[in-house]
Amino acid sequence: NWLVEVPDPNVSIGLLCEPFKIEMV
């Protein structure tokens, strides 16, 4: 997954991926 670090309770830093323009519900 994209997550690298959570430096703050409200903040996530992650890898920049090219998103699929769909949600897998």
mmCIF file of all heavy atoms, coordinates in Angstrom:
data_MODEL
# 
_entry.id   MODEL 
# 
loop_
_atom_site.group_PDB 
_atom_site.id 
_atom_site.type_symbol 
_atom_site.label_atom_id 
_atom_site.label_alt_id 
_atom_site.label_comp_id 
_atom_site.label_asym_id 
_atom_site.label_entity_id 
_atom_site.label_seq_id 
_atom_site.pdbx_PDB_ins_code 
_atom_site.Cartn_x 
_atom_site.Cartn_y 
_atom_site.Cartn_z 
_atom_site.occupancy 
_atom_site.B_iso_or_equiv 
_atom_site.pdbx_formal_charge 
_atom_site.auth_seq_id 
_atom_site.auth_comp_id 
_atom_site.auth_asym_id 
_atom_site.auth_atom_id 
_atom_site.pdbx_PDB_model_num 
ATOM 1   N N   . ASN A 1 1  ? 0.825   -1.211 0.000   1.00 0.00 ? 1  ASN A N   1 
ATOM 2   C CA  . ASN A 1 1  ? 0.000   0.000  0.000   1.00 0.00 ? 1  ASN A CA  1 
ATOM 3   C C   . ASN A 1 1  ? 0.857   1.259  0.000   1.00 0.00 ? 1  ASN A C   1 
ATOM 4   O O   . ASN A 1 1  ? 2.075   1.210  0.131   1.00 0.00 ? 1  ASN A O   1 
ATOM 5   C CB  . ASN A 1 1  ? -0.978  -0.005 1.181   1.00 0.00 ? 1  ASN A CB  1 
ATOM 6   C CG  . ASN A 1 1  ? -0.282  0.055  2.532   1.00 0.00 ? 1  ASN A CG  1 
ATOM 7   O OD1 . ASN A 1 1  ? 0.409   1.026  2.861   1.00 0.00 ? 1  ASN A OD1 1 
ATOM 8   N ND2 . ASN A 1 1  ? -0.442  -1.009 3.338   1.00 0.00 ? 1  ASN A ND2 1 
ATOM 9   N N   . TRP A 1 2  ? 0.179   2.375  -0.148  1.00 0.00 ? 2  TRP A N   1 
ATOM 10  C CA  . TRP A 1 2  ? 0.833   3.653  -0.377  1.00 0.00 ? 2  TRP A CA  1 
ATOM 11  C C   . TRP A 1 2  ? 1.439   4.275  0.870   1.00 0.00 ? 2  TRP A C   1 
ATOM 12  O O   . TRP A 1 2  ? 2.308   5.149  0.779   1.00 0.00 ? 2  TRP A O   1 
ATOM 13  C CB  . TRP A 1 2  ? -0.189  4.632  -0.966  1.00 0.00 ? 2  TRP A CB  1 
ATOM 14  C CG  . TRP A 1 2  ? -1.172  5.144  0.054   1.00 0.00 ? 2  TRP A CG  1 
ATOM 15  C CD1 . TRP A 1 2  ? -2.163  4.431  0.669   1.00 0.00 ? 2  TRP A CD1 1 
ATOM 16  C CD2 . TRP A 1 2  ? -1.244  6.469  0.591   1.00 0.00 ? 2  TRP A CD2 1 
ATOM 17  N NE1 . TRP A 1 2  ? -2.854  5.213  1.561   1.00 0.00 ? 2  TRP A NE1 1 
ATOM 18  C CE2 . TRP A 1 2  ? -2.320  6.475  1.525   1.00 0.00 ? 2  TRP A CE2 1 
ATOM 19  C CE3 . TRP A 1 2  ? -0.533  7.651  0.386   1.00 0.00 ? 2  TRP A CE3 1 
ATOM 20  C CZ2 . TRP A 1 2  ? -2.671  7.616  2.252   1.00 0.00 ? 2  TRP A CZ2 1 
ATOM 21  C CZ3 . TRP A 1 2  ? -0.888  8.787  1.097   1.00 0.00 ? 2  TRP A CZ3 1 
ATOM 22  C CH2 . TRP A 1 2  ? -1.945  8.758  2.020   1.00 0.00 ? 2  TRP A CH2 1 
ATOM 23  N N   . LEU A 1 3  ? 1.038   3.831  2.082   1.00 0.00 ? 3  LEU A N   1 
ATOM 24  C CA  . LEU A 1 3  ? 1.403   4.526  3.309   1.00 0.00 ? 3  LEU A CA  1 
ATOM 25  C C   . LEU A 1 3  ? 2.894   4.391  3.634   1.00 0.00 ? 3  LEU A C   1 
ATOM 26  O O   . LEU A 1 3  ? 3.448   3.295  3.647   1.00 0.00 ? 3  LEU A O   1 
ATOM 27  C CB  . LEU A 1 3  ? 0.583   3.973  4.474   1.00 0.00 ? 3  LEU A CB  1 
ATOM 28  C CG  . LEU A 1 3  ? 0.724   4.736  5.793   1.00 0.00 ? 3  LEU A CG  1 
ATOM 29  C CD1 . LEU A 1 3  ? 0.179   6.149  5.681   1.00 0.00 ? 3  LEU A CD1 1 
ATOM 30  C CD2 . LEU A 1 3  ? 0.005   3.976  6.913   1.00 0.00 ? 3  LEU A CD2 1 
ATOM 31  N N   . VAL A 1 4  ? 3.527   5.526  3.931   1.00 0.00 ? 4  VAL A N   1 
ATOM 32  C CA  . VAL A 1 4  ? 4.935   5.563  4.329   1.00 0.00 ? 4  VAL A CA  1 
ATOM 33  C C   . VAL A 1 4  ? 5.078   5.968  5.784   1.00 0.00 ? 4  VAL A C   1 
ATOM 34  O O   . VAL A 1 4  ? 5.830   5.377  6.547   1.00 0.00 ? 4  VAL A O   1 
ATOM 35  C CB  . VAL A 1 4  ? 5.736   6.541  3.437   1.00 0.00 ? 4  VAL A CB  1 
ATOM 36  C CG1 . VAL A 1 4  ? 7.171   6.697  3.943   1.00 0.00 ? 4  VAL A CG1 1 
ATOM 37  C CG2 . VAL A 1 4  ? 5.733   6.075  1.982   1.00 0.00 ? 4  VAL A CG2 1 
ATOM 38  N N   . GLU A 1 5  ? 4.325   6.996  6.212   1.00 0.00 ? 5  GLU A N   1 
ATOM 39  C CA  . GLU A 1 5  ? 4.501   7.543  7.557   1.00 0.00 ? 5  GLU A CA  1 
ATOM 40  C C   . GLU A 1 5  ? 3.232   8.291  7.970   1.00 0.00 ? 5  GLU A C   1 
ATOM 41  O O   . GLU A 1 5  ? 2.523   8.848  7.128   1.00 0.00 ? 5  GLU A O   1 
ATOM 42  C CB  . GLU A 1 5  ? 5.700   8.494  7.578   1.00 0.00 ? 5  GLU A CB  1 
ATOM 43  C CG  . GLU A 1 5  ? 6.077   9.020  8.940   1.00 0.00 ? 5  GLU A CG  1 
ATOM 44  C CD  . GLU A 1 5  ? 7.299   9.937  8.894   1.00 0.00 ? 5  GLU A CD  1 
ATOM 45  O OE1 . GLU A 1 5  ? 7.933   10.046 7.820   1.00 0.00 ? 5  GLU A OE1 1 
ATOM 46  O OE2 . GLU A 1 5  ? 7.616   10.530 9.934   1.00 0.00 ? 5  GLU A OE2 1 
ATOM 47  N N   . VAL A 1 6  ? 2.968   8.300  9.295   1.00 0.00 ? 6  VAL A N   1 
ATOM 48  C CA  . VAL A 1 6  ? 1.865   9.081  9.863   1.00 0.00 ? 6  VAL A CA  1 
ATOM 49  C C   . VAL A 1 6  ? 2.469   10.018 10.910  1.00 0.00 ? 6  VAL A C   1 
ATOM 50  O O   . VAL A 1 6  ? 2.572   9.663  12.088  1.00 0.00 ? 6  VAL A O   1 
ATOM 51  C CB  . VAL A 1 6  ? 0.785   8.162  10.479  1.00 0.00 ? 6  VAL A CB  1 
ATOM 52  C CG1 . VAL A 1 6  ? -0.350  8.992  11.090  1.00 0.00 ? 6  VAL A CG1 1 
ATOM 53  C CG2 . VAL A 1 6  ? 0.228   7.204  9.432   1.00 0.00 ? 6  VAL A CG2 1 
ATOM 54  N N   . PRO A 1 7  ? 2.894   11.219 10.495  1.00 0.00 ? 7  PRO A N   1 
ATOM 55  C CA  . PRO A 1 7  ? 3.597   12.114 11.412  1.00 0.00 ? 7  PRO A CA  1 
ATOM 56  C C   . PRO A 1 7  ? 2.676   12.884 12.355  1.00 0.00 ? 7  PRO A C   1 
ATOM 57  O O   . PRO A 1 7  ? 3.148   13.533 13.285  1.00 0.00 ? 7  PRO A O   1 
ATOM 58  C CB  . PRO A 1 7  ? 4.307   13.083 10.453  1.00 0.00 ? 7  PRO A CB  1 
ATOM 59  C CG  . PRO A 1 7  ? 3.405   13.137 9.254   1.00 0.00 ? 7  PRO A CG  1 
ATOM 60  C CD  . PRO A 1 7  ? 2.812   11.772 9.125   1.00 0.00 ? 7  PRO A CD  1 
ATOM 61  N N   . ASP A 1 8  ? 1.375   12.822 12.108  1.00 0.00 ? 8  ASP A N   1 
ATOM 62  C CA  . ASP A 1 8  ? 0.399   13.553 12.914  1.00 0.00 ? 8  ASP A CA  1 
ATOM 63  C C   . ASP A 1 8  ? -0.905  12.759 12.880  1.00 0.00 ? 8  ASP A C   1 
ATOM 64  O O   . ASP A 1 8  ? -1.172  12.057 11.898  1.00 0.00 ? 8  ASP A O   1 
ATOM 65  C CB  . ASP A 1 8  ? 0.182   14.955 12.321  1.00 0.00 ? 8  ASP A CB  1 
ATOM 66  C CG  . ASP A 1 8  ? -0.858  15.758 13.081  1.00 0.00 ? 8  ASP A CG  1 
ATOM 67  O OD1 . ASP A 1 8  ? -0.467  16.460 14.029  1.00 0.00 ? 8  ASP A OD1 1 
ATOM 68  O OD2 . ASP A 1 8  ? -2.052  15.683 12.732  1.00 0.00 ? 8  ASP A OD2 1 
ATOM 69  N N   . PRO A 1 9  ? -1.723  12.816 13.938  1.00 0.00 ? 9  PRO A N   1 
ATOM 70  C CA  . PRO A 1 9  ? -2.967  12.049 13.929  1.00 0.00 ? 9  PRO A CA  1 
ATOM 71  C C   . PRO A 1 9  ? -3.858  12.292 12.709  1.00 0.00 ? 9  PRO A C   1 
ATOM 72  O O   . PRO A 1 9  ? -4.619  11.407 12.323  1.00 0.00 ? 9  PRO A O   1 
ATOM 73  C CB  . PRO A 1 9  ? -3.662  12.502 15.218  1.00 0.00 ? 9  PRO A CB  1 
ATOM 74  C CG  . PRO A 1 9  ? -2.550  12.881 16.132  1.00 0.00 ? 9  PRO A CG  1 
ATOM 75  C CD  . PRO A 1 9  ? -1.513  13.504 15.238  1.00 0.00 ? 9  PRO A CD  1 
ATOM 76  N N   . ASN A 1 10 ? -3.758  13.464 12.111  1.00 0.00 ? 10 ASN A N   1 
ATOM 77  C CA  . ASN A 1 10 ? -4.606  13.791 10.952  1.00 0.00 ? 10 ASN A CA  1 
ATOM 78  C C   . ASN A 1 10 ? -3.882  13.679 9.617   1.00 0.00 ? 10 ASN A C   1 
ATOM 79  O O   . ASN A 1 10 ? -4.487  13.947 8.574   1.00 0.00 ? 10 ASN A O   1 
ATOM 80  C CB  . ASN A 1 10 ? -5.159  15.214 11.082  1.00 0.00 ? 10 ASN A CB  1 
ATOM 81  C CG  . ASN A 1 10 ? -6.218  15.335 12.150  1.00 0.00 ? 10 ASN A CG  1 
ATOM 82  O OD1 . ASN A 1 10 ? -5.916  15.379 13.337  1.00 0.00 ? 10 ASN A OD1 1 
ATOM 83  N ND2 . ASN A 1 10 ? -7.483  15.368 11.736  1.00 0.00 ? 10 ASN A ND2 1 
ATOM 84  N N   . VAL A 1 11 ? -2.594  13.308 9.636   1.00 0.00 ? 11 VAL A N   1 
ATOM 85  C CA  . VAL A 1 11 ? -1.794  13.389 8.409   1.00 0.00 ? 11 VAL A CA  1 
ATOM 86  C C   . VAL A 1 11 ? -1.165  12.048 8.059   1.00 0.00 ? 11 VAL A C   1 
ATOM 87  O O   . VAL A 1 11 ? -0.597  11.371 8.916   1.00 0.00 ? 11 VAL A O   1 
ATOM 88  C CB  . VAL A 1 11 ? -0.676  14.450 8.562   1.00 0.00 ? 11 VAL A CB  1 
ATOM 89  C CG1 . VAL A 1 11 ? 0.164   14.523 7.289   1.00 0.00 ? 11 VAL A CG1 1 
ATOM 90  C CG2 . VAL A 1 11 ? -1.281  15.816 8.877   1.00 0.00 ? 11 VAL A CG2 1 
ATOM 91  N N   . SER A 1 12 ? -1.249  11.685 6.790   1.00 0.00 ? 12 SER A N   1 
ATOM 92  C CA  . SER A 1 12 ? -0.539  10.517 6.264   1.00 0.00 ? 12 SER A CA  1 
ATOM 93  C C   . SER A 1 12 ? 0.321   10.950 5.086   1.00 0.00 ? 12 SER A C   1 
ATOM 94  O O   . SER A 1 12 ? -0.113  11.746 4.248   1.00 0.00 ? 12 SER A O   1 
ATOM 95  C CB  . SER A 1 12 ? -1.525  9.441  5.801   1.00 0.00 ? 12 SER A CB  1 
ATOM 96  O OG  . SER A 1 12 ? -2.168  8.829  6.889   1.00 0.00 ? 12 SER A OG  1 
ATOM 97  N N   . ILE A 1 13 ? 1.536   10.399 5.034   1.00 0.00 ? 13 ILE A N   1 
ATOM 98  C CA  . ILE A 1 13 ? 2.433   10.624 3.907   1.00 0.00 ? 13 ILE A CA  1 
ATOM 99  C C   . ILE A 1 13 ? 2.585   9.289  3.193   1.00 0.00 ? 13 ILE A C   1 
ATOM 100 O O   . ILE A 1 13 ? 2.816   8.256  3.825   1.00 0.00 ? 13 ILE A O   1 
ATOM 101 C CB  . ILE A 1 13 ? 3.805   11.145 4.369   1.00 0.00 ? 13 ILE A CB  1 
ATOM 102 C CG1 . ILE A 1 13 ? 3.653   12.469 5.118   1.00 0.00 ? 13 ILE A CG1 1 
ATOM 103 C CG2 . ILE A 1 13 ? 4.753   11.294 3.182   1.00 0.00 ? 13 ILE A CG2 1 
ATOM 104 C CD1 . ILE A 1 13 ? 4.932   12.972 5.750   1.00 0.00 ? 13 ILE A CD1 1 
ATOM 105 N N   . GLY A 1 14 ? 2.432   9.321  1.891   1.00 0.00 ? 14 GLY A N   1 
ATOM 106 C CA  . GLY A 1 14 ? 2.493   8.065  1.167   1.00 0.00 ? 14 GLY A CA  1 
ATOM 107 C C   . GLY A 1 14 ? 3.054   8.214  -0.227  1.00 0.00 ? 14 GLY A C   1 
ATOM 108 O O   . GLY A 1 14 ? 3.345   9.329  -0.706  1.00 0.00 ? 14 GLY A O   1 
ATOM 109 N N   . LEU A 1 15 ? 3.196   7.086  -0.893  1.00 0.00 ? 15 LEU A N   1 
ATOM 110 C CA  . LEU A 1 15 ? 3.737   7.053  -2.251  1.00 0.00 ? 15 LEU A CA  1 
ATOM 111 C C   . LEU A 1 15 ? 2.701   7.548  -3.244  1.00 0.00 ? 15 LEU A C   1 
ATOM 112 O O   . LEU A 1 15 ? 1.509   7.267  -3.133  1.00 0.00 ? 15 LEU A O   1 
ATOM 113 C CB  . LEU A 1 15 ? 4.146   5.621  -2.601  1.00 0.00 ? 15 LEU A CB  1 
ATOM 114 C CG  . LEU A 1 15 ? 5.234   4.997  -1.724  1.00 0.00 ? 15 LEU A CG  1 
ATOM 115 C CD1 . LEU A 1 15 ? 5.377   3.513  -2.046  1.00 0.00 ? 15 LEU A CD1 1 
ATOM 116 C CD2 . LEU A 1 15 ? 6.556   5.723  -1.932  1.00 0.00 ? 15 LEU A CD2 1 
ATOM 117 N N   . LEU A 1 16 ? 3.180   8.279  -4.235  1.00 0.00 ? 16 LEU A N   1 
ATOM 118 C CA  . LEU A 1 16 ? 2.313   8.793  -5.290  1.00 0.00 ? 16 LEU A CA  1 
ATOM 119 C C   . LEU A 1 16 ? 2.099   7.695  -6.329  1.00 0.00 ? 16 LEU A C   1 
ATOM 120 O O   . LEU A 1 16 ? 3.030   7.279  -7.011  1.00 0.00 ? 16 LEU A O   1 
ATOM 121 C CB  . LEU A 1 16 ? 2.954   10.022 -5.937  1.00 0.00 ? 16 LEU A CB  1 
ATOM 122 C CG  . LEU A 1 16 ? 2.221   10.646 -7.126  1.00 0.00 ? 16 LEU A CG  1 
ATOM 123 C CD1 . LEU A 1 16 ? 0.843   11.156 -6.686  1.00 0.00 ? 16 LEU A CD1 1 
ATOM 124 C CD2 . LEU A 1 16 ? 3.037   11.788 -7.711  1.00 0.00 ? 16 LEU A CD2 1 
ATOM 125 N N   . CYS A 1 17 ? 0.881   7.200  -6.412  1.00 0.00 ? 17 CYS A N   1 
ATOM 126 C CA  . CYS A 1 17 ? 0.537   6.143  -7.368  1.00 0.00 ? 17 CYS A CA  1 
ATOM 127 C C   . CYS A 1 17 ? -0.401  6.713  -8.429  1.00 0.00 ? 17 CYS A C   1 
ATOM 128 O O   . CYS A 1 17 ? -1.093  7.706  -8.202  1.00 0.00 ? 17 CYS A O   1 
ATOM 129 C CB  . CYS A 1 17 ? -0.151  4.984  -6.659  1.00 0.00 ? 17 CYS A CB  1 
ATOM 130 S SG  . CYS A 1 17 ? 0.816   4.221  -5.334  1.00 0.00 ? 17 CYS A SG  1 
ATOM 131 N N   . GLU A 1 18 ? -0.436  6.053  -9.560  1.00 0.00 ? 18 GLU A N   1 
ATOM 132 C CA  . GLU A 1 18 ? -1.412  6.410  -10.589 1.00 0.00 ? 18 GLU A CA  1 
ATOM 133 C C   . GLU A 1 18 ? -2.710  5.662  -10.272 1.00 0.00 ? 18 GLU A C   1 
ATOM 134 O O   . GLU A 1 18 ? -2.772  4.443  -10.366 1.00 0.00 ? 18 GLU A O   1 
ATOM 135 C CB  . GLU A 1 18 ? -0.913  5.994  -11.974 1.00 0.00 ? 18 GLU A CB  1 
ATOM 136 C CG  . GLU A 1 18 ? -1.917  6.276  -13.073 1.00 0.00 ? 18 GLU A CG  1 
ATOM 137 C CD  . GLU A 1 18 ? -1.565  5.599  -14.388 1.00 0.00 ? 18 GLU A CD  1 
ATOM 138 O OE1 . GLU A 1 18 ? -0.540  4.891  -14.447 1.00 0.00 ? 18 GLU A OE1 1 
ATOM 139 O OE2 . GLU A 1 18 ? -2.345  5.754  -15.344 1.00 0.00 ? 18 GLU A OE2 1 
ATOM 140 N N   . PRO A 1 19 ? -3.757  6.378  -9.853  1.00 0.00 ? 19 PRO A N   1 
ATOM 141 C CA  . PRO A 1 19 ? -4.956  5.682  -9.382  1.00 0.00 ? 19 PRO A CA  1 
ATOM 142 C C   . PRO A 1 19 ? -5.789  5.085  -10.508 1.00 0.00 ? 19 PRO A C   1 
ATOM 143 O O   . PRO A 1 19 ? -5.889  5.655  -11.594 1.00 0.00 ? 19 PRO A O   1 
ATOM 144 C CB  . PRO A 1 19 ? -5.740  6.783  -8.665  1.00 0.00 ? 19 PRO A CB  1 
ATOM 145 C CG  . PRO A 1 19 ? -5.293  8.045  -9.328  1.00 0.00 ? 19 PRO A CG  1 
ATOM 146 C CD  . PRO A 1 19 ? -3.861  7.833  -9.731  1.00 0.00 ? 19 PRO A CD  1 
ATOM 147 N N   . PHE A 1 20 ? -6.367  3.924  -10.248 1.00 0.00 ? 20 PHE A N   1 
ATOM 148 C CA  . PHE A 1 20 ? -7.437  3.420  -11.100 1.00 0.00 ? 20 PHE A CA  1 
ATOM 149 C C   . PHE A 1 20 ? -8.655  4.300  -10.827 1.00 0.00 ? 20 PHE A C   1 
ATOM 150 O O   . PHE A 1 20 ? -8.997  4.543  -9.672  1.00 0.00 ? 20 PHE A O   1 
ATOM 151 C CB  . PHE A 1 20 ? -7.764  1.967  -10.768 1.00 0.00 ? 20 PHE A CB  1 
ATOM 152 C CG  . PHE A 1 20 ? -6.709  0.978  -11.177 1.00 0.00 ? 20 PHE A CG  1 
ATOM 153 C CD1 . PHE A 1 20 ? -5.721  0.584  -10.282 1.00 0.00 ? 20 PHE A CD1 1 
ATOM 154 C CD2 . PHE A 1 20 ? -6.704  0.437  -12.451 1.00 0.00 ? 20 PHE A CD2 1 
ATOM 155 C CE1 . PHE A 1 20 ? -4.749  -0.341 -10.647 1.00 0.00 ? 20 PHE A CE1 1 
ATOM 156 C CE2 . PHE A 1 20 ? -5.736  -0.494 -12.830 1.00 0.00 ? 20 PHE A CE2 1 
ATOM 157 C CZ  . PHE A 1 20 ? -4.753  -0.877 -11.933 1.00 0.00 ? 20 PHE A CZ  1 
ATOM 158 N N   . LYS A 1 21 ? -9.334  4.744  -11.860 1.00 0.00 ? 21 LYS A N   1 
ATOM 159 C CA  . LYS A 1 21 ? -10.467 5.651  -11.691 1.00 0.00 ? 21 LYS A CA  1 
ATOM 160 C C   . LYS A 1 21 ? -11.754 4.892  -11.378 1.00 0.00 ? 21 LYS A C   1 
ATOM 161 O O   . LYS A 1 21 ? -12.832 5.196  -11.916 1.00 0.00 ? 21 LYS A O   1 
ATOM 162 C CB  . LYS A 1 21 ? -10.642 6.505  -12.953 1.00 0.00 ? 21 LYS A CB  1 
ATOM 163 C CG  . LYS A 1 21 ? -9.519  7.498  -13.190 1.00 0.00 ? 21 LYS A CG  1 
ATOM 164 C CD  . LYS A 1 21 ? -9.545  8.605  -12.146 1.00 0.00 ? 21 LYS A CD  1 
ATOM 165 C CE  . LYS A 1 21 ? -8.519  9.696  -12.460 1.00 0.00 ? 21 LYS A CE  1 
ATOM 166 N NZ  . LYS A 1 21 ? -8.576  10.805 -11.481 1.00 0.00 ? 21 LYS A NZ  1 
ATOM 167 N N   . ILE A 1 22 ? -11.637 3.917  -10.503 1.00 0.00 ? 22 ILE A N   1 
ATOM 168 C CA  . ILE A 1 22 ? -12.795 3.148  -10.060 1.00 0.00 ? 22 ILE A CA  1 
ATOM 169 C C   . ILE A 1 22 ? -12.660 2.860  -8.574  1.00 0.00 ? 22 ILE A C   1 
ATOM 170 O O   . ILE A 1 22 ? -11.559 2.855  -8.029  1.00 0.00 ? 22 ILE A O   1 
ATOM 171 C CB  . ILE A 1 22 ? -12.935 1.805  -10.818 1.00 0.00 ? 22 ILE A CB  1 
ATOM 172 C CG1 . ILE A 1 22 ? -11.631 1.006  -10.772 1.00 0.00 ? 22 ILE A CG1 1 
ATOM 173 C CG2 . ILE A 1 22 ? -13.402 2.022  -12.248 1.00 0.00 ? 22 ILE A CG2 1 
ATOM 174 C CD1 . ILE A 1 22 ? -11.725 -0.376 -11.394 1.00 0.00 ? 22 ILE A CD1 1 
ATOM 175 N N   . GLU A 1 23 ? -13.802 2.666  -7.934  1.00 0.00 ? 23 GLU A N   1 
ATOM 176 C CA  . GLU A 1 23 ? -13.825 2.196  -6.556  1.00 0.00 ? 23 GLU A CA  1 
ATOM 177 C C   . GLU A 1 23 ? -14.335 0.764  -6.575  1.00 0.00 ? 23 GLU A C   1 
ATOM 178 O O   . GLU A 1 23 ? -15.364 0.468  -7.188  1.00 0.00 ? 23 GLU A O   1 
ATOM 179 C CB  . GLU A 1 23 ? -14.738 3.075  -5.696  1.00 0.00 ? 23 GLU A CB  1 
ATOM 180 C CG  . GLU A 1 23 ? -14.216 4.488  -5.498  1.00 0.00 ? 23 GLU A CG  1 
ATOM 181 C CD  . GLU A 1 23 ? -15.081 5.307  -4.563  1.00 0.00 ? 23 GLU A CD  1 
ATOM 182 O OE1 . GLU A 1 23 ? -16.220 4.874  -4.264  1.00 0.00 ? 23 GLU A OE1 1 
ATOM 183 O OE2 . GLU A 1 23 ? -14.627 6.370  -4.111  1.00 0.00 ? 23 GLU A OE2 1 
ATOM 184 N N   . MET A 1 24 ? -13.612 -0.118 -5.904  1.00 0.00 ? 24 MET A N   1 
ATOM 185 C CA  . MET A 1 24 ? -14.017 -1.512 -5.828  1.00 0.00 ? 24 MET A CA  1 
ATOM 186 C C   . MET A 1 24 ? -14.907 -1.675 -4.600  1.00 0.00 ? 24 MET A C   1 
ATOM 187 O O   . MET A 1 24 ? -14.434 -1.905 -3.478  1.00 0.00 ? 24 MET A O   1 
ATOM 188 C CB  . MET A 1 24 ? -12.796 -2.422 -5.771  1.00 0.00 ? 24 MET A CB  1 
ATOM 189 C CG  . MET A 1 24 ? -11.907 -2.355 -7.003  1.00 0.00 ? 24 MET A CG  1 
ATOM 190 S SD  . MET A 1 24 ? -12.732 -2.940 -8.507  1.00 0.00 ? 24 MET A SD  1 
ATOM 191 C CE  . MET A 1 24 ? -12.771 -4.714 -8.186  1.00 0.00 ? 24 MET A CE  1 
ATOM 192 N N   . VAL A 1 25 ? -16.200 -1.531 -4.819  1.00 0.00 ? 25 VAL A N   1 
ATOM 193 C CA  . VAL A 1 25 ? -17.180 -1.665 -3.743  1.00 0.00 ? 25 VAL A CA  1 
ATOM 194 C C   . VAL A 1 25 ? -17.511 -3.151 -3.585  1.00 0.00 ? 25 VAL A C   1 
ATOM 195 O O   . VAL A 1 25 ? -17.812 -3.828 -4.564  1.00 0.00 ? 25 VAL A O   1 
ATOM 196 C CB  . VAL A 1 25 ? -18.461 -0.877 -4.061  1.00 0.00 ? 25 VAL A CB  1 
ATOM 197 C CG1 . VAL A 1 25 ? -19.468 -1.019 -2.917  1.00 0.00 ? 25 VAL A CG1 1 
ATOM 198 C CG2 . VAL A 1 25 ? -18.135 0.592  -4.316  1.00 0.00 ? 25 VAL A CG2 1 
# 
